[in-house]
Amino acid sequence: QVQLVESGGGLVQAGGTLRLSCTASGSIFSFNVMGWYRQAPGNQREMVATITSGGSTNYADSVKGRFTISRDNAKNTVYLQMNSLKPEDTAAYFCNLRQGVFAFWGQGTQVTVSS
C-alpha cells in the first residue's frame, strides 16, 4: 500500500555533508510520522530522527546539532541533512513511515564516512 524510496547515500570524508531523501507513495494518511533509522554491521537498528506531518521532530542525542530532519508534505518526502559527519555515522540508513496501525520501511541507503 505504501512504498518508500530512498536516495542520497554515498561516501564522504569526516566533517563532510550528505542529504538523504525519501519519498513515500501509495495511500498516505493525513497524519503520519516519518523518520530515519540506521544500522551498522553488528549493531541494532537505532532511531536517528523522526518528524510528524505537523512538523514535530525528535533526534537521537548522538546527532543533535549535526543532523536536521525536514519534510515536504506536498511531495510526501522526508529529508535528512547530515552535517559534520563522523566515521561512527557510517551505517545503512532506512526511511520509515508510521500511520495508523501500520509501519513501512524503505530498502536502505548506505552512508560511509571515511576518516
C-alpha atoms as a PDB file:
ATOM      1  CA  GLN A   1       0.000   0.000   0.000  1.00  0.00           C
ATOM      2  CA  VAL A   2       2.873   2.360   0.829  1.00  0.00           C
ATOM      3  CA  GLN A   3       6.268   2.339  -0.811  1.00  0.00           C
ATOM      4  CA  LEU A   4       9.330   4.275   0.321  1.00  0.00           C
ATOM      5  CA  VAL A   5      12.233   5.093  -1.980  1.00  0.00           C
ATOM      6  CA  GLU A   6      15.458   6.486  -0.538  1.00  0.00           C
ATOM      7  CA  SER A   7      18.341   8.280  -2.175  1.00  0.00           C
ATOM      8  CA  GLY A   8      21.342  10.407  -1.315  1.00  0.00           C
ATOM      9  CA  GLY A   9      23.669   7.989   0.392  1.00  0.00           C
ATOM     10  CA  GLY A  10      27.300   7.773  -0.524  1.00  0.00           C
ATOM     11  CA  LEU A  11      30.894   8.088   0.569  1.00  0.00           C
ATOM     12  CA  VAL A  12      32.057  11.271   2.263  1.00  0.00           C
ATOM     13  CA  GLN A  13      35.048  12.363   4.306  1.00  0.00           C
ATOM     14  CA  ALA A  14      34.749  13.094   8.004  1.00  0.00           C
ATOM     15  CA  GLY A  15      33.409  16.584   8.504  1.00  0.00           C
ATOM     16  CA  GLY A  16      31.510  16.499   5.250  1.00  0.00           C
ATOM     17  CA  THR A  17      27.815  16.603   4.486  1.00  0.00           C
ATOM     18  CA  LEU A  18      25.174  14.468   2.848  1.00  0.00           C
ATOM     19  CA  ARG A  19      21.463  14.907   2.322  1.00  0.00           C
ATOM     20  CA  LEU A  20      19.202  11.872   2.281  1.00  0.00           C
ATOM     21  CA  SER A  21      15.778  11.904   0.676  1.00  0.00           C
ATOM     22  CA  CYS A  22      12.861   9.520   0.997  1.00  0.00           C
ATOM     23  CA  THR A  23       9.659   9.758  -0.995  1.00  0.00           C
ATOM     24  CA  ALA A  24       6.528   7.866   0.005  1.00  0.00           C
ATOM     25  CA  SER A  25       3.889   6.773  -2.456  1.00  0.00           C
ATOM     26  CA  GLY A  26       0.591   4.995  -2.125  1.00  0.00           C
ATOM     27  CA  SER A  27      -2.127   5.552   0.447  1.00  0.00           C
ATOM     28  CA  ILE A  28      -0.667   8.166   2.780  1.00  0.00           C
ATOM     29  CA  PHE A  29      -2.741   9.278   5.762  1.00  0.00           C
ATOM     30  CA  SER A  30      -3.002  12.955   6.605  1.00  0.00           C
ATOM     31  CA  PHE A  31      -1.323  12.308   9.954  1.00  0.00           C
ATOM     32  CA  ASN A  32       1.816  10.233   9.904  1.00  0.00           C
ATOM     33  CA  VAL A  33       5.319  10.079  11.271  1.00  0.00           C
ATOM     34  CA  MET A  34       8.330   9.717   9.014  1.00  0.00           C
ATOM     35  CA  GLY A  35      11.833   9.130  10.166  1.00  0.00           C
ATOM     36  CA  TRP A  36      15.288   7.781   9.635  1.00  0.00           C
ATOM     37  CA  TYR A  37      16.853   4.796  11.336  1.00  0.00           C
ATOM     38  CA  ARG A  38      20.335   3.425  10.878  1.00  0.00           C
ATOM     39  CA  GLN A  39      22.060   0.110  11.346  1.00  0.00           C
ATOM     40  CA  ALA A  40      25.757  -0.616  11.221  1.00  0.00           C
ATOM     41  CA  PRO A  41      27.061  -4.178  10.842  1.00  0.00           C
ATOM     42  CA  GLY A  42      26.820  -5.995  14.153  1.00  0.00           C
ATOM     43  CA  ASN A  43      24.687  -3.264  15.719  1.00  0.00           C
ATOM     44  CA  GLN A  44      20.995  -2.891  16.426  1.00  0.00           C
ATOM     45  CA  ARG A  45      18.899  -0.573  14.314  1.00  0.00           C
ATOM     46  CA  GLU A  46      18.575   2.779  16.050  1.00  0.00           C
ATOM     47  CA  MET A  47      16.360   5.802  15.605  1.00  0.00           C
ATOM     48  CA  VAL A  48      18.151   8.799  14.152  1.00  0.00           C
ATOM     49  CA  ALA A  49      15.364  11.338  13.726  1.00  0.00           C
ATOM     50  CA  THR A  50      11.604  11.467  13.266  1.00  0.00           C
ATOM     51  CA  ILE A  51       9.168  14.131  12.158  1.00  0.00           C
ATOM     52  CA  THR A  52       5.392  14.201  12.211  1.00  0.00           C
ATOM     53  CA  SER A  53       3.232  15.584   9.439  1.00  0.00           C
ATOM     54  CA  GLY A  54       2.705  18.554  11.771  1.00  0.00           C
ATOM     55  CA  GLY A  55       6.427  19.207  11.984  1.00  0.00           C
ATOM     56  CA  SER A  56       7.261  17.901  15.457  1.00  0.00           C
ATOM     57  CA  THR A  57      10.784  16.465  15.487  1.00  0.00           C
ATOM     58  CA  ASN A  58      12.781  14.078  17.609  1.00  0.00           C
ATOM     59  CA  TYR A  59      16.511  13.333  17.393  1.00  0.00           C
ATOM     60  CA  ALA A  60      18.914  10.834  18.805  1.00  0.00           C
ATOM     61  CA  ASP A  61      21.317  12.509  21.206  1.00  0.00           C
ATOM     62  CA  SER A  62      24.250  11.424  19.053  1.00  0.00           C
ATOM     63  CA  VAL A  63      23.105  13.540  16.095  1.00  0.00           C
ATOM     64  CA  LYS A  64      21.593  16.592  17.776  1.00  0.00           C
ATOM     65  CA  GLY A  65      23.141  19.754  16.429  1.00  0.00           C
ATOM     66  CA  ARG A  66      24.538  17.980  13.375  1.00  0.00           C
ATOM     67  CA  PHE A  67      21.547  16.446  11.590  1.00  0.00           C
ATOM     68  CA  THR A  68      18.300  18.134  10.601  1.00  0.00           C
ATOM     69  CA  ILE A  69      15.160  16.303   9.564  1.00  0.00           C
ATOM     70  CA  SER A  70      12.568  18.051   7.442  1.00  0.00           C
ATOM     71  CA  ARG A  71       9.686  17.146   5.195  1.00  0.00           C
ATOM     72  CA  ASP A  72       7.670  18.377   2.272  1.00  0.00           C
ATOM     73  CA  ASN A  73       4.128  17.183   2.869  1.00  0.00           C
ATOM     74  CA  ALA A  74       3.009  18.100  -0.640  1.00  0.00           C
ATOM     75  CA  LYS A  75       5.613  15.686  -2.007  1.00  0.00           C
ATOM     76  CA  ASN A  76       5.375  13.126   0.812  1.00  0.00           C
ATOM     77  CA  THR A  77       9.128  13.426   1.079  1.00  0.00           C
ATOM     78  CA  VAL A  78      11.339  13.465   4.143  1.00  0.00           C
ATOM     79  CA  TYR A  79      14.930  14.698   4.175  1.00  0.00           C
ATOM     80  CA  LEU A  80      17.858  14.221   6.475  1.00  0.00           C
ATOM     81  CA  GLN A  81      20.529  16.898   6.246  1.00  0.00           C
ATOM     82  CA  MET A  82      23.675  15.407   7.714  1.00  0.00           C
ATOM     83  CA  ASN A  83      26.450  17.854   8.617  1.00  0.00           C
ATOM     84  CA  SER A  84      29.775  17.361  10.363  1.00  0.00           C
ATOM     85  CA  LEU A  85      29.691  13.677   9.595  1.00  0.00           C
ATOM     86  CA  LYS A  86      31.766  11.322  11.710  1.00  0.00           C
ATOM     87  CA  PRO A  87      33.050   7.824  10.949  1.00  0.00           C
ATOM     88  CA  GLU A  88      30.668   6.482  13.589  1.00  0.00           C
ATOM     89  CA  ASP A  89      27.779   7.721  11.434  1.00  0.00           C
ATOM     90  CA  THR A  90      28.640   5.008   8.915  1.00  0.00           C
ATOM     91  CA  ALA A  91      25.603   2.759   8.549  1.00  0.00           C
ATOM     92  CA  ALA A  92      22.755   1.736   6.333  1.00  0.00           C
ATOM     93  CA  TYR A  93      20.066   4.372   6.722  1.00  0.00           C
ATOM     94  CA  PHE A  94      16.438   3.310   6.458  1.00  0.00           C
ATOM     95  CA  CYS A  95      13.416   5.502   5.884  1.00  0.00           C
ATOM     96  CA  ASN A  96      10.355   4.729   7.985  1.00  0.00           C
ATOM     97  CA  LEU A  97       6.721   5.787   7.842  1.00  0.00           C
ATOM     98  CA  ARG A  98       4.176   5.086  10.575  1.00  0.00           C
ATOM     99  CA  GLN A  99       0.467   5.706  10.145  1.00  0.00           C
ATOM    100  CA  GLY A 100      -2.494   4.183  11.892  1.00  0.00           C
ATOM    101  CA  VAL A 101      -1.534   0.671  12.903  1.00  0.00           C
ATOM    102  CA  PHE A 102       0.972   0.266  10.066  1.00  0.00           C
ATOM    103  CA  ALA A 103       4.653   0.866   9.621  1.00  0.00           C
ATOM    104  CA  PHE A 104       6.616   0.809   6.391  1.00  0.00           C
ATOM    105  CA  TRP A 105      10.308   0.695   5.592  1.00  0.00           C
ATOM    106  CA  GLY A 106      12.484   1.661   2.692  1.00  0.00           C
ATOM    107  CA  GLN A 107      15.206  -0.587   1.348  1.00  0.00           C
ATOM    108  CA  GLY A 108      18.029   1.405   2.901  1.00  0.00           C
ATOM    109  CA  THR A 109      20.783   3.618   1.570  1.00  0.00           C
ATOM    110  CA  GLN A 110      24.414   3.285   2.586  1.00  0.00           C
ATOM    111  CA  VAL A 111      26.289   6.154   4.215  1.00  0.00           C
ATOM    112  CA  THR A 112      30.024   5.696   4.607  1.00  0.00           C
ATOM    113  CA  VAL A 113      32.178   8.312   6.341  1.00  0.00           C
ATOM    114  CA  SER A 114      35.923   7.974   5.949  1.00  0.00           C
ATOM    115  CA  SER A 115      38.432   9.290   8.462  1.00  0.00           C
END
